[in-house]
Amino acid sequence: MTSNIVKSSAVATTGAALSLTAIKANPTQAATVTYDFTVYVTSGSLSGQQFEGFFSYKNSTLTGIGSEEIGVKEGLFVRFELLGVTYTEASDFNSPLYPRVLFEDGSLAGLDFEVFNNQLSYQLIRDFDKKSSCFTYRLENEATLRTGSGTVTYSLRENSSTSVPEQHTVEDLSALALTGS
């Protein structure tokens, strides 16, 4: 009987060790990805100016198949500076439902980000017809209304992908430890 207990214990220990080795070799990882973007204003009173920003997100929910999106609920962070004012994801008119980053078959399709207030309104939106992103703005004060538009370019920040272990990997390791004892 002692022999059977020792064999069972050895099998369980070996199985747990192999499982841990497999998990260690290929753990589930989420990467934080960062894109920089530049708005080039091509019309209106701000024509010729450019403004910059970036967004970051965890890619753990993306499959790379079809149309997908990442929003604030999935960890999207946005920072955009326009005319000396910094806007974040909390500034979006429809927060927390927006902003969102759109993907088509795993490729970045664009950022949807809209801010509206009494004196300044702007949109960074995906132009599905042109398969690009565009920027529109509206500046308003008591006497004048100025509008215009521009283009948006995105660039993946070098070394932007930082692997972060997913929560269920830690849970899997805990479950293995419990079954091995």
N, C-alpha and C. Protein backbone atom coordinates (compact mmCIF):
# COMPACT_ATOMS: atom_id res chain seq x y z
N MET A 1 0.82 -1.18 0.00
CA MET A 1 0.00 0.00 0.00
C MET A 1 0.86 1.24 0.00
N THR A 2 1.94 1.22 0.80
CA THR A 2 2.85 2.36 0.82
C THR A 2 3.45 2.57 -0.55
N SER A 3 3.73 1.46 -1.23
CA SER A 3 4.29 1.53 -2.57
C SER A 3 3.34 2.25 -3.53
N ASN A 4 2.03 1.97 -3.46
CA ASN A 4 1.04 2.63 -4.31
C ASN A 4 0.94 4.12 -4.01
N ILE A 5 1.00 4.49 -2.74
CA ILE A 5 0.95 5.91 -2.36
C ILE A 5 2.18 6.63 -2.90
N VAL A 6 3.34 6.00 -2.77
CA VAL A 6 4.59 6.61 -3.27
C VAL A 6 4.50 6.77 -4.78
N LYS A 7 4.01 5.70 -5.49
CA LYS A 7 3.88 5.79 -6.95
C LYS A 7 2.90 6.90 -7.34
N SER A 8 1.75 6.96 -6.67
CA SER A 8 0.75 7.98 -6.98
C SER A 8 1.31 9.38 -6.73
N SER A 9 2.04 9.51 -5.64
CA SER A 9 2.64 10.80 -5.31
C SER A 9 3.69 11.18 -6.35
N ALA A 10 4.47 10.21 -6.78
CA ALA A 10 5.51 10.46 -7.79
C ALA A 10 4.89 10.85 -9.12
N VAL A 11 3.82 10.17 -9.50
CA VAL A 11 3.14 10.49 -10.76
C VAL A 11 2.54 11.89 -10.68
N ALA A 12 1.89 12.22 -9.58
CA ALA A 12 1.29 13.55 -9.42
C ALA A 12 2.36 14.63 -9.44
N THR A 13 3.48 14.39 -8.75
CA THR A 13 4.56 15.36 -8.71
C THR A 13 5.16 15.55 -10.09
N THR A 14 5.40 14.44 -10.79
CA THR A 14 5.97 14.52 -12.15
C THR A 14 5.00 15.24 -13.08
N GLY A 15 3.72 14.92 -13.00
CA GLY A 15 2.71 15.58 -13.85
C GLY A 15 2.65 17.07 -13.58
N ALA A 16 2.68 17.44 -12.31
CA ALA A 16 2.64 18.86 -11.96
C ALA A 16 3.90 19.57 -12.45
N ALA A 17 5.04 18.93 -12.31
CA ALA A 17 6.30 19.53 -12.77
C ALA A 17 6.29 19.73 -14.28
N LEU A 18 5.83 18.71 -15.01
CA LEU A 18 5.74 18.84 -16.47
C LEU A 18 4.76 19.94 -16.86
N SER A 19 3.62 20.02 -16.16
CA SER A 19 2.63 21.06 -16.44
C SER A 19 3.22 22.44 -16.19
N LEU A 20 3.92 22.59 -15.07
CA LEU A 20 4.54 23.87 -14.77
C LEU A 20 5.60 24.23 -15.80
N THR A 21 6.36 23.24 -16.27
CA THR A 21 7.37 23.49 -17.30
C THR A 21 6.69 23.95 -18.58
N ALA A 22 5.60 23.30 -18.96
CA ALA A 22 4.89 23.69 -20.18
C ALA A 22 4.33 25.10 -20.04
N ILE A 23 3.77 25.42 -18.89
CA ILE A 23 3.21 26.75 -18.69
C ILE A 23 4.33 27.78 -18.67
N LYS A 24 5.46 27.44 -18.06
CA LYS A 24 6.57 28.38 -18.01
C LYS A 24 7.12 28.62 -19.41
N ALA A 25 7.13 27.60 -20.24
CA ALA A 25 7.67 27.74 -21.59
C ALA A 25 6.75 28.56 -22.48
N ASN A 26 5.44 28.50 -22.22
CA ASN A 26 4.50 29.21 -23.08
C ASN A 26 3.36 29.80 -22.26
N PRO A 27 3.66 30.75 -21.35
CA PRO A 27 2.59 31.32 -20.54
C PRO A 27 1.70 32.22 -21.38
N THR A 28 0.45 32.35 -20.96
CA THR A 28 -0.45 33.27 -21.63
C THR A 28 0.00 34.68 -21.28
N GLN A 29 0.22 35.48 -22.29
CA GLN A 29 0.73 36.82 -22.08
C GLN A 29 -0.18 37.84 -22.75
N ALA A 30 -0.36 38.97 -22.10
CA ALA A 30 -1.01 40.11 -22.73
C ALA A 30 0.10 41.14 -22.93
N ALA A 31 0.11 41.76 -24.06
CA ALA A 31 1.12 42.78 -24.32
C ALA A 31 0.45 44.14 -24.28
N THR A 32 1.11 45.10 -23.65
CA THR A 32 0.67 46.48 -23.72
C THR A 32 1.31 47.08 -24.95
N VAL A 33 0.47 47.52 -25.87
CA VAL A 33 0.93 48.04 -27.16
C VAL A 33 0.67 49.54 -27.19
N THR A 34 1.63 50.31 -27.70
CA THR A 34 1.49 51.76 -27.78
C THR A 34 1.70 52.23 -29.21
N TYR A 35 0.78 53.06 -29.66
CA TYR A 35 0.89 53.72 -30.95
C TYR A 35 0.98 55.23 -30.73
N ASP A 36 1.87 55.88 -31.44
CA ASP A 36 1.91 57.33 -31.50
C ASP A 36 1.10 57.75 -32.70
N PHE A 37 0.46 58.91 -32.63
CA PHE A 37 -0.25 59.42 -33.80
C PHE A 37 0.00 60.91 -33.95
N THR A 38 -0.03 61.35 -35.20
CA THR A 38 0.17 62.75 -35.53
C THR A 38 -0.99 63.22 -36.39
N VAL A 39 -1.56 64.35 -36.02
CA VAL A 39 -2.62 64.99 -36.78
C VAL A 39 -1.98 66.10 -37.59
N TYR A 40 -2.16 66.07 -38.91
CA TYR A 40 -1.68 67.12 -39.81
C TYR A 40 -2.91 67.89 -40.29
N VAL A 41 -3.03 69.16 -39.88
CA VAL A 41 -4.19 69.96 -40.26
C VAL A 41 -3.97 70.49 -41.67
N THR A 42 -4.91 70.19 -42.56
CA THR A 42 -4.76 70.55 -43.97
C THR A 42 -5.72 71.65 -44.43
N SER A 43 -6.70 72.02 -43.60
CA SER A 43 -7.62 73.09 -43.99
C SER A 43 -8.09 73.86 -42.77
N GLY A 44 -8.56 75.07 -43.01
CA GLY A 44 -9.08 75.91 -41.94
C GLY A 44 -8.00 76.78 -41.31
N SER A 45 -8.37 77.43 -40.24
CA SER A 45 -7.46 78.40 -39.60
C SER A 45 -6.23 77.75 -38.96
N LEU A 46 -6.27 76.47 -38.70
CA LEU A 46 -5.11 75.77 -38.13
C LEU A 46 -4.26 75.08 -39.20
N SER A 47 -4.58 75.32 -40.46
CA SER A 47 -3.87 74.67 -41.57
C SER A 47 -2.36 74.81 -41.43
N GLY A 48 -1.67 73.72 -41.66
CA GLY A 48 -0.21 73.70 -41.57
C GLY A 48 0.32 73.30 -40.20
N GLN A 49 -0.53 73.24 -39.22
CA GLN A 49 -0.09 72.85 -37.88
C GLN A 49 -0.23 71.34 -37.71
N GLN A 50 0.52 70.81 -36.77
CA GLN A 50 0.39 69.40 -36.43
C GLN A 50 0.32 69.25 -34.93
N PHE A 51 -0.38 68.20 -34.51
CA PHE A 51 -0.59 67.91 -33.10
C PHE A 51 -0.35 66.42 -32.88
N GLU A 52 0.14 66.08 -31.68
CA GLU A 52 0.55 64.69 -31.44
C GLU A 52 -0.13 64.09 -30.22
N GLY A 53 -0.17 62.78 -30.24
CA GLY A 53 -0.72 62.04 -29.12
C GLY A 53 -0.29 60.60 -29.19
N PHE A 54 -0.82 59.79 -28.29
CA PHE A 54 -0.56 58.35 -28.30
C PHE A 54 -1.71 57.63 -27.63
N PHE A 55 -1.78 56.34 -27.87
CA PHE A 55 -2.71 55.50 -27.14
C PHE A 55 -2.04 54.17 -26.85
N SER A 56 -2.46 53.55 -25.75
CA SER A 56 -1.94 52.25 -25.32
C SER A 56 -3.12 51.35 -24.98
N TYR A 57 -2.91 50.05 -25.16
CA TYR A 57 -3.95 49.08 -24.84
C TYR A 57 -3.30 47.72 -24.60
N LYS A 58 -4.03 46.86 -23.92
CA LYS A 58 -3.61 45.47 -23.75
C LYS A 58 -4.25 44.67 -24.87
N ASN A 59 -3.48 43.85 -25.55
CA ASN A 59 -3.98 43.14 -26.72
C ASN A 59 -4.55 41.76 -26.42
N SER A 60 -4.80 41.45 -25.17
CA SER A 60 -5.22 40.10 -24.80
C SER A 60 -6.58 39.69 -25.35
N THR A 61 -7.43 40.64 -25.70
CA THR A 61 -8.75 40.27 -26.20
C THR A 61 -8.80 40.19 -27.72
N LEU A 62 -7.73 40.56 -28.40
CA LEU A 62 -7.72 40.56 -29.86
C LEU A 62 -7.44 39.17 -30.41
N THR A 63 -8.17 38.80 -31.46
CA THR A 63 -7.95 37.51 -32.11
C THR A 63 -7.23 37.65 -33.45
N GLY A 64 -7.28 38.85 -34.05
CA GLY A 64 -6.67 39.06 -35.36
C GLY A 64 -7.58 38.64 -36.51
N ILE A 65 -8.84 38.38 -36.21
CA ILE A 65 -9.79 37.91 -37.22
C ILE A 65 -10.96 38.89 -37.30
N GLY A 66 -11.22 39.41 -38.49
CA GLY A 66 -12.37 40.28 -38.70
C GLY A 66 -12.24 41.64 -38.05
N SER A 67 -13.39 42.29 -37.82
CA SER A 67 -13.45 43.61 -37.19
C SER A 67 -13.45 43.45 -35.68
N GLU A 68 -12.54 44.17 -35.02
CA GLU A 68 -12.44 44.12 -33.56
C GLU A 68 -12.21 45.52 -33.04
N GLU A 69 -12.46 45.70 -31.74
CA GLU A 69 -12.20 46.99 -31.13
C GLU A 69 -11.77 46.83 -29.69
N ILE A 70 -11.00 47.80 -29.24
CA ILE A 70 -10.54 47.88 -27.85
C ILE A 70 -11.03 49.22 -27.32
N GLY A 71 -11.65 49.20 -26.14
CA GLY A 71 -12.14 50.43 -25.54
C GLY A 71 -11.60 50.61 -24.14
N VAL A 72 -12.16 51.57 -23.46
CA VAL A 72 -11.73 51.89 -22.10
C VAL A 72 -11.88 50.68 -21.19
N LYS A 73 -12.96 49.93 -21.35
CA LYS A 73 -13.18 48.75 -20.50
C LYS A 73 -12.07 47.73 -20.66
N GLU A 74 -11.45 47.70 -21.84
CA GLU A 74 -10.35 46.75 -22.10
C GLU A 74 -8.99 47.36 -21.83
N GLY A 75 -8.95 48.54 -21.21
CA GLY A 75 -7.68 49.14 -20.80
C GLY A 75 -7.11 50.18 -21.75
N LEU A 76 -7.92 50.73 -22.64
CA LEU A 76 -7.42 51.75 -23.55
C LEU A 76 -7.11 53.04 -22.81
N PHE A 77 -5.93 53.58 -23.07
CA PHE A 77 -5.50 54.87 -22.52
C PHE A 77 -5.15 55.76 -23.70
N VAL A 78 -5.66 56.99 -23.72
CA VAL A 78 -5.39 57.93 -24.81
C VAL A 78 -4.87 59.24 -24.22
N ARG A 79 -3.92 59.83 -24.92
CA ARG A 79 -3.41 61.16 -24.54
C ARG A 79 -3.18 61.93 -25.83
N PHE A 80 -3.80 63.11 -25.95
CA PHE A 80 -3.70 63.93 -27.15
C PHE A 80 -3.62 65.40 -26.74
N GLU A 81 -2.65 66.11 -27.29
CA GLU A 81 -2.50 67.52 -26.98
C GLU A 81 -2.90 68.36 -28.18
N LEU A 82 -3.84 69.27 -27.95
CA LEU A 82 -4.34 70.15 -29.00
C LEU A 82 -4.42 71.56 -28.44
N LEU A 83 -3.72 72.48 -29.09
CA LEU A 83 -3.72 73.90 -28.70
C LEU A 83 -3.39 74.09 -27.23
N GLY A 84 -2.39 73.35 -26.75
CA GLY A 84 -1.89 73.50 -25.39
C GLY A 84 -2.72 72.81 -24.32
N VAL A 85 -3.74 72.08 -24.69
CA VAL A 85 -4.58 71.37 -23.73
C VAL A 85 -4.42 69.87 -23.96
N THR A 86 -4.25 69.11 -22.88
CA THR A 86 -4.11 67.66 -22.97
C THR A 86 -5.45 67.01 -22.72
N TYR A 87 -5.82 66.12 -23.63
CA TYR A 87 -7.07 65.37 -23.53
C TYR A 87 -6.74 63.90 -23.33
N THR A 88 -7.56 63.21 -22.51
CA THR A 88 -7.38 61.78 -22.28
C THR A 88 -8.67 61.05 -22.64
N GLU A 89 -8.67 59.76 -22.45
CA GLU A 89 -9.86 58.96 -22.76
C GLU A 89 -11.08 59.46 -21.99
N ALA A 90 -10.87 60.03 -20.80
CA ALA A 90 -11.99 60.54 -20.00
C ALA A 90 -12.60 61.80 -20.62
N SER A 91 -11.89 62.45 -21.54
CA SER A 91 -12.39 63.65 -22.20
C SER A 91 -13.37 63.34 -23.32
N ASP A 92 -13.42 62.10 -23.76
CA ASP A 92 -14.28 61.75 -24.89
C ASP A 92 -15.74 62.03 -24.55
N PHE A 93 -16.44 62.57 -25.52
CA PHE A 93 -17.84 62.94 -25.38
C PHE A 93 -18.69 61.77 -24.91
N ASN A 94 -18.39 60.57 -25.36
CA ASN A 94 -19.18 59.38 -25.03
C ASN A 94 -18.50 58.45 -24.04
N SER A 95 -17.58 58.98 -23.24
CA SER A 95 -16.87 58.16 -22.26
C SER A 95 -17.88 57.59 -21.27
N PRO A 96 -17.75 56.37 -20.86
CA PRO A 96 -16.68 55.41 -21.08
C PRO A 96 -16.90 54.47 -22.27
N LEU A 97 -17.95 54.68 -23.06
CA LEU A 97 -18.16 53.82 -24.23
C LEU A 97 -17.12 54.08 -25.32
N TYR A 98 -16.62 55.27 -25.38
CA TYR A 98 -15.56 55.68 -26.30
C TYR A 98 -14.52 56.40 -25.49
N PRO A 99 -13.34 56.55 -25.98
CA PRO A 99 -12.82 56.24 -27.31
C PRO A 99 -12.65 54.73 -27.50
N ARG A 100 -12.32 54.39 -28.74
CA ARG A 100 -12.06 52.99 -29.06
C ARG A 100 -11.06 52.93 -30.21
N VAL A 101 -10.32 51.84 -30.24
CA VAL A 101 -9.37 51.59 -31.31
C VAL A 101 -9.93 50.44 -32.13
N LEU A 102 -9.93 50.61 -33.44
CA LEU A 102 -10.52 49.63 -34.34
C LEU A 102 -9.44 48.85 -35.08
N PHE A 103 -9.71 47.58 -35.32
CA PHE A 103 -8.78 46.69 -36.03
C PHE A 103 -9.54 45.93 -37.11
N GLU A 104 -8.87 45.66 -38.20
CA GLU A 104 -9.41 44.82 -39.27
C GLU A 104 -8.40 43.71 -39.53
N ASP A 105 -8.81 42.48 -39.27
CA ASP A 105 -7.94 41.31 -39.45
C ASP A 105 -6.56 41.50 -38.81
N GLY A 106 -6.56 42.04 -37.60
CA GLY A 106 -5.34 42.20 -36.83
C GLY A 106 -4.55 43.46 -37.11
N SER A 107 -4.94 44.24 -38.11
CA SER A 107 -4.23 45.48 -38.43
C SER A 107 -4.98 46.68 -37.87
N LEU A 108 -4.23 47.65 -37.37
CA LEU A 108 -4.83 48.86 -36.84
C LEU A 108 -5.61 49.57 -37.94
N ALA A 109 -6.88 49.89 -37.66
CA ALA A 109 -7.72 50.61 -38.62
C ALA A 109 -7.89 52.07 -38.21
N GLY A 110 -7.73 52.38 -36.93
CA GLY A 110 -7.83 53.76 -36.51
C GLY A 110 -8.39 53.93 -35.11
N LEU A 111 -8.35 55.16 -34.66
CA LEU A 111 -8.83 55.56 -33.34
C LEU A 111 -10.08 56.40 -33.51
N ASP A 112 -11.13 56.10 -32.77
CA ASP A 112 -12.32 56.95 -32.70
C ASP A 112 -12.26 57.68 -31.37
N PHE A 113 -12.14 59.02 -31.43
CA PHE A 113 -11.96 59.83 -30.23
C PHE A 113 -12.60 61.19 -30.51
N GLU A 114 -13.60 61.58 -29.73
CA GLU A 114 -14.34 62.81 -29.98
C GLU A 114 -14.46 63.64 -28.71
N VAL A 115 -14.16 64.93 -28.84
CA VAL A 115 -14.29 65.85 -27.72
C VAL A 115 -15.17 67.02 -28.18
N PHE A 116 -16.17 67.34 -27.38
CA PHE A 116 -17.07 68.46 -27.68
C PHE A 116 -17.20 69.30 -26.43
N ASN A 117 -16.97 70.60 -26.57
CA ASN A 117 -17.29 71.53 -25.50
C ASN A 117 -17.72 72.85 -26.13
N ASN A 118 -17.92 73.86 -25.36
CA ASN A 118 -18.47 75.12 -25.88
C ASN A 118 -17.57 75.83 -26.88
N GLN A 119 -16.26 75.72 -26.73
CA GLN A 119 -15.36 76.48 -27.59
C GLN A 119 -14.54 75.63 -28.55
N LEU A 120 -14.41 74.36 -28.27
CA LEU A 120 -13.59 73.49 -29.11
C LEU A 120 -14.27 72.15 -29.26
N SER A 121 -14.34 71.70 -30.48
CA SER A 121 -14.83 70.35 -30.74
C SER A 121 -13.90 69.74 -31.76
N TYR A 122 -13.58 68.47 -31.59
CA TYR A 122 -12.78 67.80 -32.60
C TYR A 122 -13.12 66.32 -32.61
N GLN A 123 -12.77 65.71 -33.73
CA GLN A 123 -12.98 64.28 -33.90
C GLN A 123 -11.77 63.68 -34.59
N LEU A 124 -11.31 62.57 -34.08
CA LEU A 124 -10.39 61.68 -34.78
C LEU A 124 -11.24 60.46 -35.08
N ILE A 125 -11.53 60.22 -36.32
CA ILE A 125 -12.43 59.12 -36.65
C ILE A 125 -11.91 58.31 -37.83
N ARG A 126 -12.36 57.11 -37.89
CA ARG A 126 -12.03 56.20 -38.99
C ARG A 126 -12.93 56.52 -40.16
N ASP A 127 -12.34 56.81 -41.30
CA ASP A 127 -13.08 57.04 -42.54
C ASP A 127 -13.12 55.72 -43.29
N PHE A 128 -14.23 54.99 -43.15
CA PHE A 128 -14.32 53.65 -43.72
C PHE A 128 -14.27 53.66 -45.24
N ASP A 129 -14.80 54.72 -45.87
CA ASP A 129 -14.77 54.78 -47.33
C ASP A 129 -13.35 54.88 -47.86
N LYS A 130 -12.53 55.69 -47.20
CA LYS A 130 -11.16 55.90 -47.66
C LYS A 130 -10.17 54.96 -46.99
N LYS A 131 -10.66 54.17 -46.04
CA LYS A 131 -9.81 53.25 -45.27
C LYS A 131 -8.62 54.00 -44.65
N SER A 132 -8.93 55.12 -44.02
CA SER A 132 -7.92 55.91 -43.33
C SER A 132 -8.60 56.62 -42.16
N SER A 133 -7.84 57.43 -41.45
CA SER A 133 -8.39 58.20 -40.35
C SER A 133 -8.38 59.68 -40.73
N CYS A 134 -9.33 60.41 -40.20
CA CYS A 134 -9.37 61.84 -40.48
C CYS A 134 -9.60 62.61 -39.19
N PHE A 135 -9.32 63.88 -39.26
CA PHE A 135 -9.44 64.79 -38.13
C PHE A 135 -10.29 65.97 -38.57
N THR A 136 -11.29 66.32 -37.78
CA THR A 136 -12.07 67.52 -38.04
C THR A 136 -12.13 68.32 -36.74
N TYR A 137 -12.22 69.64 -36.89
CA TYR A 137 -12.30 70.48 -35.71
C TYR A 137 -13.24 71.65 -35.93
N ARG A 138 -13.65 72.22 -34.81
CA ARG A 138 -14.53 73.39 -34.80
C ARG A 138 -14.12 74.25 -33.61
N LEU A 139 -13.66 75.45 -33.89
CA LEU A 139 -13.29 76.41 -32.85
C LEU A 139 -14.31 77.52 -32.87
N GLU A 140 -14.86 77.84 -31.72
CA GLU A 140 -15.93 78.83 -31.68
C GLU A 140 -15.74 79.76 -30.50
N ASN A 141 -15.86 81.06 -30.77
CA ASN A 141 -15.95 82.03 -29.69
C ASN A 141 -17.13 82.93 -29.99
N GLU A 142 -17.31 83.99 -29.25
CA GLU A 142 -18.50 84.83 -29.40
C GLU A 142 -18.66 85.38 -30.81
N ALA A 143 -17.58 85.70 -31.48
CA ALA A 143 -17.68 86.38 -32.77
C ALA A 143 -17.39 85.51 -33.99
N THR A 144 -16.62 84.44 -33.80
CA THR A 144 -16.20 83.68 -34.98
C THR A 144 -16.37 82.18 -34.80
N LEU A 145 -16.49 81.54 -35.92
CA LEU A 145 -16.53 80.09 -35.99
C LEU A 145 -15.48 79.67 -37.01
N ARG A 146 -14.57 78.82 -36.60
CA ARG A 146 -13.52 78.34 -37.50
C ARG A 146 -13.58 76.82 -37.54
N THR A 147 -13.58 76.27 -38.73
CA THR A 147 -13.60 74.82 -38.89
C THR A 147 -12.49 74.40 -39.83
N GLY A 148 -12.17 73.13 -39.79
CA GLY A 148 -11.15 72.60 -40.69
C GLY A 148 -11.01 71.11 -40.50
N SER A 149 -10.04 70.57 -41.22
CA SER A 149 -9.84 69.12 -41.15
C SER A 149 -8.37 68.80 -41.41
N GLY A 150 -8.07 67.52 -41.30
CA GLY A 150 -6.71 67.07 -41.52
C GLY A 150 -6.63 65.56 -41.60
N THR A 151 -5.42 65.07 -41.63
CA THR A 151 -5.18 63.64 -41.72
C THR A 151 -4.52 63.16 -40.44
N VAL A 152 -4.57 61.85 -40.24
CA VAL A 152 -3.98 61.24 -39.05
C VAL A 152 -3.07 60.11 -39.51
N THR A 153 -1.86 60.08 -38.96
CA THR A 153 -0.96 58.95 -39.21
C THR A 153 -0.62 58.29 -37.89
N TYR A 154 -0.43 56.98 -37.94
CA TYR A 154 -0.13 56.19 -36.76
C TYR A 154 1.21 55.50 -36.94
N SER A 155 1.96 55.37 -35.84
CA SER A 155 3.18 54.57 -35.89
C SER A 155 3.32 53.79 -34.59
N LEU A 156 3.60 52.51 -34.75
CA LEU A 156 3.80 51.64 -33.60
C LEU A 156 5.07 52.07 -32.89
N ARG A 157 4.98 52.33 -31.62
CA ARG A 157 6.14 52.76 -30.85
C ARG A 157 7.09 51.58 -30.71
N GLU A 158 8.37 51.79 -31.00
CA GLU A 158 9.36 50.72 -30.86
C GLU A 158 9.39 50.24 -29.43
N ASN A 159 9.55 48.92 -29.28
CA ASN A 159 9.59 48.30 -27.95
C ASN A 159 8.34 48.62 -27.13
N SER A 160 7.21 48.80 -27.81
CA SER A 160 6.00 49.14 -27.08
C SER A 160 5.33 47.94 -26.46
N SER A 161 5.60 46.76 -26.96
CA SER A 161 4.94 45.57 -26.44
C SER A 161 5.66 45.08 -25.21
N THR A 162 5.01 45.21 -24.07
CA THR A 162 5.53 44.73 -22.80
C THR A 162 4.64 43.60 -22.35
N SER A 163 5.20 42.40 -22.22
CA SER A 163 4.40 41.24 -21.83
C SER A 163 4.01 41.33 -20.37
N VAL A 164 2.75 41.02 -20.12
CA VAL A 164 2.20 41.01 -18.77
C VAL A 164 1.48 39.68 -18.60
N PRO A 165 1.81 38.88 -17.55
CA PRO A 165 1.10 37.61 -17.37
C PRO A 165 -0.38 37.86 -17.17
N GLU A 166 -1.19 37.03 -17.81
CA GLU A 166 -2.64 37.12 -17.66
C GLU A 166 -3.04 36.53 -16.32
N GLN A 167 -4.12 37.01 -15.74
CA GLN A 167 -4.59 36.57 -14.44
C GLN A 167 -4.85 35.07 -14.42
N HIS A 168 -5.44 34.51 -15.49
CA HIS A 168 -5.77 33.08 -15.44
C HIS A 168 -4.52 32.21 -15.43
N THR A 169 -3.35 32.71 -15.87
CA THR A 169 -2.11 31.95 -15.78
C THR A 169 -1.75 31.74 -14.32
N VAL A 170 -1.88 32.79 -13.51
CA VAL A 170 -1.60 32.68 -12.08
C VAL A 170 -2.60 31.72 -11.44
N GLU A 171 -3.88 31.79 -11.85
CA GLU A 171 -4.89 30.88 -11.31
C GLU A 171 -4.59 29.44 -11.69
N ASP A 172 -4.13 29.20 -12.92
CA ASP A 172 -3.78 27.86 -13.36
C ASP A 172 -2.64 27.30 -12.52
N LEU A 173 -1.63 28.12 -12.22
CA LEU A 173 -0.51 27.68 -11.41
C LEU A 173 -0.98 27.34 -9.99
N SER A 174 -1.89 28.13 -9.46
CA SER A 174 -2.42 27.85 -8.12
C SER A 174 -3.19 26.54 -8.11
N ALA A 175 -3.98 26.29 -9.13
CA ALA A 175 -4.75 25.05 -9.21
C ALA A 175 -3.82 23.84 -9.30
N LEU A 176 -2.74 23.95 -10.05
CA LEU A 176 -1.79 22.86 -10.15
C LEU A 176 -1.13 22.58 -8.80
N ALA A 177 -0.81 23.64 -8.08
CA ALA A 177 -0.20 23.45 -6.78
C ALA A 177 -1.13 22.73 -5.83
N LEU A 178 -2.43 23.05 -5.92
CA LEU A 178 -3.40 22.41 -5.03
C LEU A 178 -3.59 20.93 -5.39
N THR A 179 -3.60 20.61 -6.70
CA THR A 179 -3.81 19.22 -7.08
C THR A 179 -2.59 18.37 -6.84
N GLY A 180 -1.43 18.97 -6.77
CA GLY A 180 -0.21 18.21 -6.54
C GLY A 180 -0.01 17.83 -5.08
N SER A 181 -0.75 18.45 -4.15
CA SER A 181 -0.54 18.13 -2.73
C SER A 181 -1.47 17.07 -2.22
